[in-house]
Amino acid sequence: MAGQFRHLAGMSQWSNVDVRVMPFGSGWHPGLEGPFVLIEPRQATAAVQLESRRSLLLLHEEADVVSNMALGEDDSAKLIAE
């Protein structure tokens, strides 16, 4: 797993990539069920694209958007480094 953390830390250096950690204390969120993509367009509302075993779901309600629950970029990077 250490190699995976190094890879995430390296990817976070790219200007178009944000690596954000969902702390255990955040509670349950649909994004924890499988892969997801956080979409944050400059001129539109953020959304989350979730993939499940059978379908794809697009969440756009503010309460459902992962960025509101995840650690910030700096705190995420610190946690990954630890």
PDB file of N, CA and C in Angstrom:
ATOM      1  N   MET A   1       0.816  -1.180   0.000  1.00  0.00           N
ATOM      2  CA  MET A   1       0.000   0.000   0.000  1.00  0.00           C
ATOM      3  C   MET A   1       0.874   1.264   0.000  1.00  0.00           C
ATOM      4  N   ALA A   2       2.093   1.162   0.501  1.00  0.00           N
ATOM      5  CA  ALA A   2       2.982   2.329   0.519  1.00  0.00           C
ATOM      6  C   ALA A   2       3.219   2.856  -0.897  1.00  0.00           C
ATOM      7  N   GLY A   3       3.352   1.941  -1.866  1.00  0.00           N
ATOM      8  CA  GLY A   3       3.531   2.351  -3.256  1.00  0.00           C
ATOM      9  C   GLY A   3       2.322   3.098  -3.794  1.00  0.00           C
ATOM     10  N   GLN A   4       1.135   2.675  -3.376  1.00  0.00           N
ATOM     11  CA  GLN A   4      -0.086   3.359  -3.794  1.00  0.00           C
ATOM     12  C   GLN A   4      -0.135   4.775  -3.219  1.00  0.00           C
ATOM     13  N   PHE A   5       0.273   4.915  -1.965  1.00  0.00           N
ATOM     14  CA  PHE A   5       0.304   6.250  -1.357  1.00  0.00           C
ATOM     15  C   PHE A   5       1.315   7.145  -2.064  1.00  0.00           C
ATOM     16  N   ARG A   6       2.479   6.600  -2.420  1.00  0.00           N
ATOM     17  CA  ARG A   6       3.468   7.399  -3.162  1.00  0.00           C
ATOM     18  C   ARG A   6       2.905   7.833  -4.514  1.00  0.00           C
ATOM     19  N   HIS A   7       2.193   6.921  -5.162  1.00  0.00           N
ATOM     20  CA  HIS A   7       1.588   7.256  -6.454  1.00  0.00           C
ATOM     21  C   HIS A   7       0.558   8.384  -6.289  1.00  0.00           C
ATOM     22  N   LEU A   8      -0.292   8.293  -5.275  1.00  0.00           N
ATOM     23  CA  LEU A   8      -1.279   9.352  -5.023  1.00  0.00           C
ATOM     24  C   LEU A   8      -0.591  10.685  -4.742  1.00  0.00           C
ATOM     25  N   ALA A   9       0.459  10.649  -3.944  1.00  0.00           N
ATOM     26  CA  ALA A   9       1.195  11.882  -3.640  1.00  0.00           C
ATOM     27  C   ALA A   9       1.785  12.481  -4.911  1.00  0.00           C
ATOM     28  N   GLY A  10       2.304  11.642  -5.784  1.00  0.00           N
ATOM     29  CA  GLY A  10       2.847  12.129  -7.050  1.00  0.00           C
ATOM     30  C   GLY A  10       1.768  12.709  -7.952  1.00  0.00           C
ATOM     31  N   MET A  11       0.625  12.039  -8.023  1.00  0.00           N
ATOM     32  CA  MET A  11      -0.474  12.526  -8.851  1.00  0.00           C
ATOM     33  C   MET A  11      -1.007  13.866  -8.353  1.00  0.00           C
ATOM     34  N   SER A  12      -0.956  14.086  -7.050  1.00  0.00           N
ATOM     35  CA  SER A  12      -1.480  15.334  -6.495  1.00  0.00           C
ATOM     36  C   SER A  12      -0.654  16.549  -6.916  1.00  0.00           C
ATOM     37  N   GLN A  13       0.520  16.326  -7.471  1.00  0.00           N
ATOM     38  CA  GLN A  13       1.362  17.429  -7.938  1.00  0.00           C
ATOM     39  C   GLN A  13       0.922  17.953  -9.299  1.00  0.00           C
ATOM     40  N   TRP A  14       0.099  17.189 -10.012  1.00  0.00           N
ATOM     41  CA  TRP A  14      -0.395  17.626 -11.316  1.00  0.00           C
ATOM     42  C   TRP A  14      -1.386  18.764 -11.118  1.00  0.00           C
ATOM     43  N   SER A  15      -1.365  19.740 -11.985  1.00  0.00           N
ATOM     44  CA  SER A  15      -2.236  20.913 -11.834  1.00  0.00           C
ATOM     45  C   SER A  15      -3.714  20.584 -12.037  1.00  0.00           C
ATOM     46  N   ASN A  16      -4.019  19.511 -12.750  1.00  0.00           N
ATOM     47  CA  ASN A  16      -5.416  19.174 -13.022  1.00  0.00           C
ATOM     48  C   ASN A  16      -5.937  18.034 -12.145  1.00  0.00           C
ATOM     49  N   VAL A  17      -5.204  17.681 -11.089  1.00  0.00           N
ATOM     50  CA  VAL A  17      -5.602  16.581 -10.205  1.00  0.00           C
ATOM     51  C   VAL A  17      -5.629  17.065  -8.761  1.00  0.00           C
ATOM     52  N   ASP A  18      -6.725  16.795  -8.074  1.00  0.00           N
ATOM     53  CA  ASP A  18      -6.836  17.039  -6.636  1.00  0.00           C
ATOM     54  C   ASP A  18      -7.039  15.684  -5.971  1.00  0.00           C
ATOM     55  N   VAL A  19      -6.195  15.359  -5.017  1.00  0.00           N
ATOM     56  CA  VAL A  19      -6.352  14.130  -4.248  1.00  0.00           C
ATOM     57  C   VAL A  19      -6.938  14.521  -2.909  1.00  0.00           C
ATOM     58  N   ARG A  20      -8.116  14.008  -2.610  1.00  0.00           N
ATOM     59  CA  ARG A  20      -8.830  14.358  -1.381  1.00  0.00           C
ATOM     60  C   ARG A  20      -9.186  13.095  -0.625  1.00  0.00           C
ATOM     61  N   VAL A  21      -9.018  13.102   0.684  1.00  0.00           N
ATOM     62  CA  VAL A  21      -9.286  11.944   1.523  1.00  0.00           C
ATOM     63  C   VAL A  21     -10.608  12.141   2.256  1.00  0.00           C
ATOM     64  N   MET A  22     -11.408  11.080   2.276  1.00  0.00           N
ATOM     65  CA  MET A  22     -12.644  11.072   3.055  1.00  0.00           C
ATOM     66  C   MET A  22     -12.326  10.461   4.412  1.00  0.00           C
ATOM     67  N   PRO A  23     -12.292  11.250   5.481  1.00  0.00           N
ATOM     68  CA  PRO A  23     -11.975  10.692   6.809  1.00  0.00           C
ATOM     69  C   PRO A  23     -13.085   9.761   7.296  1.00  0.00           C
ATOM     70  N   PHE A  24     -12.705   8.774   8.107  1.00  0.00           N
ATOM     71  CA  PHE A  24     -13.681   7.822   8.623  1.00  0.00           C
ATOM     72  C   PHE A  24     -14.821   8.524   9.357  1.00  0.00           C
ATOM     73  N   GLY A  25     -14.550   9.616  10.036  1.00  0.00           N
ATOM     74  CA  GLY A  25     -15.552  10.329  10.807  1.00  0.00           C
ATOM     75  C   GLY A  25     -16.567  11.089   9.986  1.00  0.00           C
ATOM     76  N   SER A  26     -16.425  11.108   8.667  1.00  0.00           N
ATOM     77  CA  SER A  26     -17.358  11.844   7.807  1.00  0.00           C
ATOM     78  C   SER A  26     -18.707  11.170   7.689  1.00  0.00           C
ATOM     79  N   GLY A  27     -18.777   9.904   8.041  1.00  0.00           N
ATOM     80  CA  GLY A  27     -20.030   9.175   7.881  1.00  0.00           C
ATOM     81  C   GLY A  27     -20.140   8.576   6.500  1.00  0.00           C
ATOM     82  N   TRP A  28     -21.285   7.935   6.243  1.00  0.00           N
ATOM     83  CA  TRP A  28     -21.492   7.243   4.979  1.00  0.00           C
ATOM     84  C   TRP A  28     -21.834   8.232   3.873  1.00  0.00           C
ATOM     85  N   HIS A  29     -21.381   7.928   2.683  1.00  0.00           N
ATOM     86  CA  HIS A  29     -21.693   8.696   1.485  1.00  0.00           C
ATOM     87  C   HIS A  29     -21.757   7.718   0.322  1.00  0.00           C
ATOM     88  N   PRO A  30     -22.634   7.935  -0.667  1.00  0.00           N
ATOM     89  CA  PRO A  30     -22.725   7.015  -1.796  1.00  0.00           C
ATOM     90  C   PRO A  30     -21.388   6.795  -2.512  1.00  0.00           C
ATOM     91  N   GLY A  31     -20.505   7.787  -2.473  1.00  0.00           N
ATOM     92  CA  GLY A  31     -19.203   7.661  -3.121  1.00  0.00           C
ATOM     93  C   GLY A  31     -18.309   6.608  -2.495  1.00  0.00           C
ATOM     94  N   LEU A  32     -18.645   6.167  -1.299  1.00  0.00           N
ATOM     95  CA  LEU A  32     -17.849   5.144  -0.634  1.00  0.00           C
ATOM     96  C   LEU A  32     -18.177   3.742  -1.144  1.00  0.00           C
ATOM     97  N   GLU A  33     -19.203   3.615  -1.957  1.00  0.00           N
ATOM     98  CA  GLU A  33     -19.616   2.310  -2.473  1.00  0.00           C
ATOM     99  C   GLU A  33     -18.767   1.841  -3.647  1.00  0.00           C
ATOM    100  N   GLY A  34     -18.005   2.722  -4.257  1.00  0.00           N
ATOM    101  CA  GLY A  34     -17.196   2.340  -5.409  1.00  0.00           C
ATOM    102  C   GLY A  34     -16.538   3.561  -6.020  1.00  0.00           C
ATOM    103  N   PRO A  35     -15.993   3.403  -7.229  1.00  0.00           N
ATOM    104  CA  PRO A  35     -15.296   4.513  -7.873  1.00  0.00           C
ATOM    105  C   PRO A  35     -16.216   5.705  -8.108  1.00  0.00           C
ATOM    106  N   PHE A  36     -15.646   6.896  -7.992  1.00  0.00           N
ATOM    107  CA  PHE A  36     -16.408   8.102  -8.303  1.00  0.00           C
ATOM    108  C   PHE A  36     -15.488   9.165  -8.864  1.00  0.00           C
ATOM    109  N   VAL A  37     -16.090  10.120  -9.546  1.00  0.00           N
ATOM    110  CA  VAL A  37     -15.371  11.266 -10.095  1.00  0.00           C
ATOM    111  C   VAL A  37     -16.077  12.515  -9.626  1.00  0.00           C
ATOM    112  N   LEU A  38     -15.331  13.429  -9.052  1.00  0.00           N
ATOM    113  CA  LEU A  38     -15.866  14.729  -8.649  1.00  0.00           C
ATOM    114  C   LEU A  38     -15.670  15.688  -9.806  1.00  0.00           C
ATOM    115  N   ILE A  39     -16.762  16.275 -10.273  1.00  0.00           N
ATOM    116  CA  ILE A  39     -16.729  17.197 -11.407  1.00  0.00           C
ATOM    117  C   ILE A  39     -17.018  18.596 -10.870  1.00  0.00           C
ATOM    118  N   GLU A  40     -16.053  19.488 -10.997  1.00  0.00           N
ATOM    119  CA  GLU A  40     -16.209  20.855 -10.503  1.00  0.00           C
ATOM    120  C   GLU A  40     -15.954  21.855 -11.630  1.00  0.00           C
ATOM    121  N   PRO A  41     -16.936  22.057 -12.498  1.00  0.00           N
ATOM    122  CA  PRO A  41     -16.758  23.024 -13.588  1.00  0.00           C
ATOM    123  C   PRO A  41     -16.642  24.447 -13.046  1.00  0.00           C
ATOM    124  N   ARG A  42     -15.970  25.280 -13.774  1.00  0.00           N
ATOM    125  CA  ARG A  42     -15.753  26.666 -13.323  1.00  0.00           C
ATOM    126  C   ARG A  42     -17.040  27.474 -13.272  1.00  0.00           C
ATOM    127  N   GLN A  43     -17.929  27.259 -14.211  1.00  0.00           N
ATOM    128  CA  GLN A  43     -19.131  28.080 -14.321  1.00  0.00           C
ATOM    129  C   GLN A  43     -20.420  27.324 -14.001  1.00  0.00           C
ATOM    130  N   ALA A  44     -20.318  26.194 -13.319  1.00  0.00           N
ATOM    131  CA  ALA A  44     -21.526  25.405 -13.045  1.00  0.00           C
ATOM    132  C   ALA A  44     -21.413  24.744 -11.670  1.00  0.00           C
ATOM    133  N   THR A  45     -22.491  24.132 -11.248  1.00  0.00           N
ATOM    134  CA  THR A  45     -22.551  23.454  -9.966  1.00  0.00           C
ATOM    135  C   THR A  45     -21.730  22.169 -10.002  1.00  0.00           C
ATOM    136  N   ALA A  46     -21.061  21.857  -8.901  1.00  0.00           N
ATOM    137  CA  ALA A  46     -20.288  20.621  -8.801  1.00  0.00           C
ATOM    138  C   ALA A  46     -21.219  19.416  -8.826  1.00  0.00           C
ATOM    139  N   ALA A  47     -20.687  18.295  -9.280  1.00  0.00           N
ATOM    140  CA  ALA A  47     -21.449  17.050  -9.338  1.00  0.00           C
ATOM    141  C   ALA A  47     -20.508  15.888  -9.045  1.00  0.00           C
ATOM    142  N   VAL A  48     -21.100  14.765  -8.684  1.00  0.00           N
ATOM    143  CA  VAL A  48     -20.349  13.537  -8.449  1.00  0.00           C
ATOM    144  C   VAL A  48     -20.896  12.460  -9.371  1.00  0.00           C
ATOM    145  N   GLN A  49     -20.011  11.820 -10.125  1.00  0.00           N
ATOM    146  CA  GLN A  49     -20.392  10.698 -10.976  1.00  0.00           C
ATOM    147  C   GLN A  49     -19.991   9.425 -10.247  1.00  0.00           C
ATOM    148  N   LEU A  50     -20.966   8.584  -9.924  1.00  0.00           N
ATOM    149  CA  LEU A  50     -20.730   7.326  -9.222  1.00  0.00           C
ATOM    150  C   LEU A  50     -20.910   6.157 -10.167  1.00  0.00           C
ATOM    151  N   GLU A  51     -20.041   5.175 -10.027  1.00  0.00           N
ATOM    152  CA  GLU A  51     -20.181   3.952 -10.795  1.00  0.00           C
ATOM    153  C   GLU A  51     -20.554   2.829  -9.835  1.00  0.00           C
ATOM    154  N   SER A  52     -21.540   2.055 -10.216  1.00  0.00           N
ATOM    155  CA  SER A  52     -21.898   0.889  -9.415  1.00  0.00           C
ATOM    156  C   SER A  52     -21.790  -0.347 -10.297  1.00  0.00           C
ATOM    157  N   ARG A  53     -22.134  -1.481  -9.742  1.00  0.00           N
ATOM    158  CA  ARG A  53     -22.050  -2.721 -10.513  1.00  0.00           C
ATOM    159  C   ARG A  53     -22.964  -2.713 -11.720  1.00  0.00           C
ATOM    160  N   ARG A  54     -24.076  -2.005 -11.648  1.00  0.00           N
ATOM    161  CA  ARG A  54     -25.065  -2.069 -12.720  1.00  0.00           C
ATOM    162  C   ARG A  54     -25.370  -0.745 -13.406  1.00  0.00           C
ATOM    163  N   SER A  55     -24.942   0.360 -12.838  1.00  0.00           N
ATOM    164  CA  SER A  55     -25.336   1.633 -13.435  1.00  0.00           C
ATOM    165  C   SER A  55     -24.360   2.747 -13.077  1.00  0.00           C
ATOM    166  N   LEU A  56     -24.673   3.914 -13.571  1.00  0.00           N
ATOM    167  CA  LEU A  56     -23.926   5.128 -13.289  1.00  0.00           C
ATOM    168  C   LEU A  56     -24.919   6.136 -12.723  1.00  0.00           C
ATOM    169  N   LEU A  57     -24.492   6.899 -11.735  1.00  0.00           N
ATOM    170  CA  LEU A  57     -25.374   7.862 -11.088  1.00  0.00           C
ATOM    171  C   LEU A  57     -24.669   9.208 -11.049  1.00  0.00           C
ATOM    172  N   LEU A  58     -25.392  10.270 -11.308  1.00  0.00           N
ATOM    173  CA  LEU A  58     -24.842  11.616 -11.254  1.00  0.00           C
ATOM    174  C   LEU A  58     -25.560  12.390 -10.155  1.00  0.00           C
ATOM    175  N   LEU A  59     -24.821  12.756  -9.105  1.00  0.00           N
ATOM    176  CA  LEU A  59     -25.382  13.516  -7.986  1.00  0.00           C
ATOM    177  C   LEU A  59     -24.997  14.979  -8.133  1.00  0.00           C
ATOM    178  N   HIS A  60     -25.945  15.862  -7.897  1.00  0.00           N
ATOM    179  CA  HIS A  60     -25.653  17.282  -8.045  1.00  0.00           C
ATOM    180  C   HIS A  60     -26.152  18.114  -6.864  1.00  0.00           C
ATOM    181  N   GLU A  61     -26.899  17.517  -5.952  1.00  0.00           N
ATOM    182  CA  GLU A  61     -27.353  18.251  -4.776  1.00  0.00           C
ATOM    183  C   GLU A  61     -26.156  18.551  -3.870  1.00  0.00           C
ATOM    184  N   GLU A  62     -26.101  19.745  -3.315  1.00  0.00           N
ATOM    185  CA  GLU A  62     -24.946  20.165  -2.518  1.00  0.00           C
ATOM    186  C   GLU A  62     -24.608  19.184  -1.396  1.00  0.00           C
ATOM    187  N   ALA A  63     -25.616  18.650  -0.724  1.00  0.00           N
ATOM    188  CA  ALA A  63     -25.381  17.718   0.384  1.00  0.00           C
ATOM    189  C   ALA A  63     -24.752  16.410  -0.079  1.00  0.00           C
ATOM    190  N   ASP A  64     -24.881  16.076  -1.363  1.00  0.00           N
ATOM    191  CA  ASP A  64     -24.364  14.821  -1.892  1.00  0.00           C
ATOM    192  C   ASP A  64     -22.977  14.939  -2.508  1.00  0.00           C
ATOM    193  N   VAL A  65     -22.486  16.151  -2.670  1.00  0.00           N
ATOM    194  CA  VAL A  65     -21.200  16.353  -3.335  1.00  0.00           C
ATOM    195  C   VAL A  65     -20.072  16.068  -2.346  1.00  0.00           C
ATOM    196  N   VAL A  66     -19.184  15.164  -2.737  1.00  0.00           N
ATOM    197  CA  VAL A  66     -18.124  14.653  -1.852  1.00  0.00           C
ATOM    198  C   VAL A  66     -17.207  15.760  -1.325  1.00  0.00           C
ATOM    199  N   SER A  67     -16.934  16.791  -2.113  1.00  0.00           N
ATOM    200  CA  SER A  67     -15.975  17.802  -1.689  1.00  0.00           C
ATOM    201  C   SER A  67     -16.387  18.477  -0.391  1.00  0.00           C
ATOM    202  N   ASN A  68     -17.666  18.429  -0.050  1.00  0.00           N
ATOM    203  CA  ASN A  68     -18.125  19.029   1.198  1.00  0.00           C
ATOM    204  C   ASN A  68     -17.761  18.176   2.410  1.00  0.00           C
ATOM    205  N   MET A  69     -17.435  16.909   2.190  1.00  0.00           N
ATOM    206  CA  MET A  69     -17.136  15.992   3.279  1.00  0.00           C
ATOM    207  C   MET A  69     -15.656  15.636   3.355  1.00  0.00           C
ATOM    208  N   ALA A  70     -14.940  15.771   2.276  1.00  0.00           N
ATOM    209  CA  ALA A  70     -13.546  15.348   2.205  1.00  0.00           C
ATOM    210  C   ALA A  70     -12.624  16.382   2.855  1.00  0.00           C
ATOM    211  N   LEU A  71     -11.450  15.905   3.262  1.00  0.00           N
ATOM    212  CA  LEU A  71     -10.417  16.819   3.753  1.00  0.00           C
ATOM    213  C   LEU A  71      -9.954  17.693   2.603  1.00  0.00           C
ATOM    214  N   GLY A  72      -9.414  18.852   2.920  1.00  0.00           N
ATOM    215  CA  GLY A  72      -8.853  19.724   1.903  1.00  0.00           C
ATOM    216  C   GLY A  72      -7.601  19.113   1.290  1.00  0.00           C
ATOM    217  N   GLU A  73      -7.110  19.715   0.231  1.00  0.00           N
ATOM    218  CA  GLU A  73      -5.937  19.175  -0.459  1.00  0.00           C
ATOM    219  C   GLU A  73      -4.725  19.076   0.452  1.00  0.00           C
ATOM    220  N   ASP A  74      -4.436  20.127   1.231  1.00  0.00           N
ATOM    221  CA  ASP A  74      -3.260  20.119   2.102  1.00  0.00           C
ATOM    222  C   ASP A  74      -3.378  19.069   3.197  1.00  0.00           C
ATOM    223  N   ASP A  75      -4.537  18.990   3.847  1.00  0.00           N
ATOM    224  CA  ASP A  75      -4.734  17.990   4.901  1.00  0.00           C
ATOM    225  C   ASP A  75      -4.711  16.577   4.334  1.00  0.00           C
ATOM    226  N   SER A  76      -5.261  16.395   3.137  1.00  0.00           N
ATOM    227  CA  SER A  76      -5.218  15.087   2.486  1.00  0.00           C
ATOM    228  C   SER A  76      -3.782  14.680   2.192  1.00  0.00           C
ATOM    229  N   ALA A  77      -2.996  15.615   1.652  1.00  0.00           N
ATOM    230  CA  ALA A  77      -1.586  15.332   1.335  1.00  0.00           C
ATOM    231  C   ALA A  77      -0.808  14.976   2.597  1.00  0.00           C
ATOM    232  N   LYS A  78      -1.070  15.690   3.666  1.00  0.00           N
ATOM    233  CA  LYS A  78      -0.380  15.405   4.936  1.00  0.00           C
ATOM    234  C   LYS A  78      -0.730  14.010   5.439  1.00  0.00           C
ATOM    235  N   LEU A  79      -2.008  13.654   5.393  1.00  0.00           N
ATOM    236  CA  LEU A  79      -2.436  12.336   5.855  1.00  0.00           C
ATOM    237  C   LEU A  79      -1.839  11.224   5.009  1.00  0.00           C
ATOM    238  N   ILE A  80      -1.792  11.411   3.695  1.00  0.00           N
ATOM    239  CA  ILE A  80      -1.197  10.412   2.802  1.00  0.00           C
ATOM    240  C   ILE A  80       0.293  10.260   3.097  1.00  0.00           C
ATOM    241  N   ALA A  81       0.984  11.373   3.330  1.00  0.00           N
ATOM    242  CA  ALA A  81       2.415  11.325   3.635  1.00  0.00           C
ATOM    243  C   ALA A  81       2.698  10.591   4.950  1.00  0.00           C
ATOM    244  N   GLU A  82       1.800  10.736   5.902  1.00  0.00           N
ATOM    245  CA  GLU A  82       1.989  10.058   7.192  1.00  0.00           C
ATOM    246  C   GLU A  82       1.811   8.565   7.029  1.00  0.00           C
TER     247      GLU A  82
END
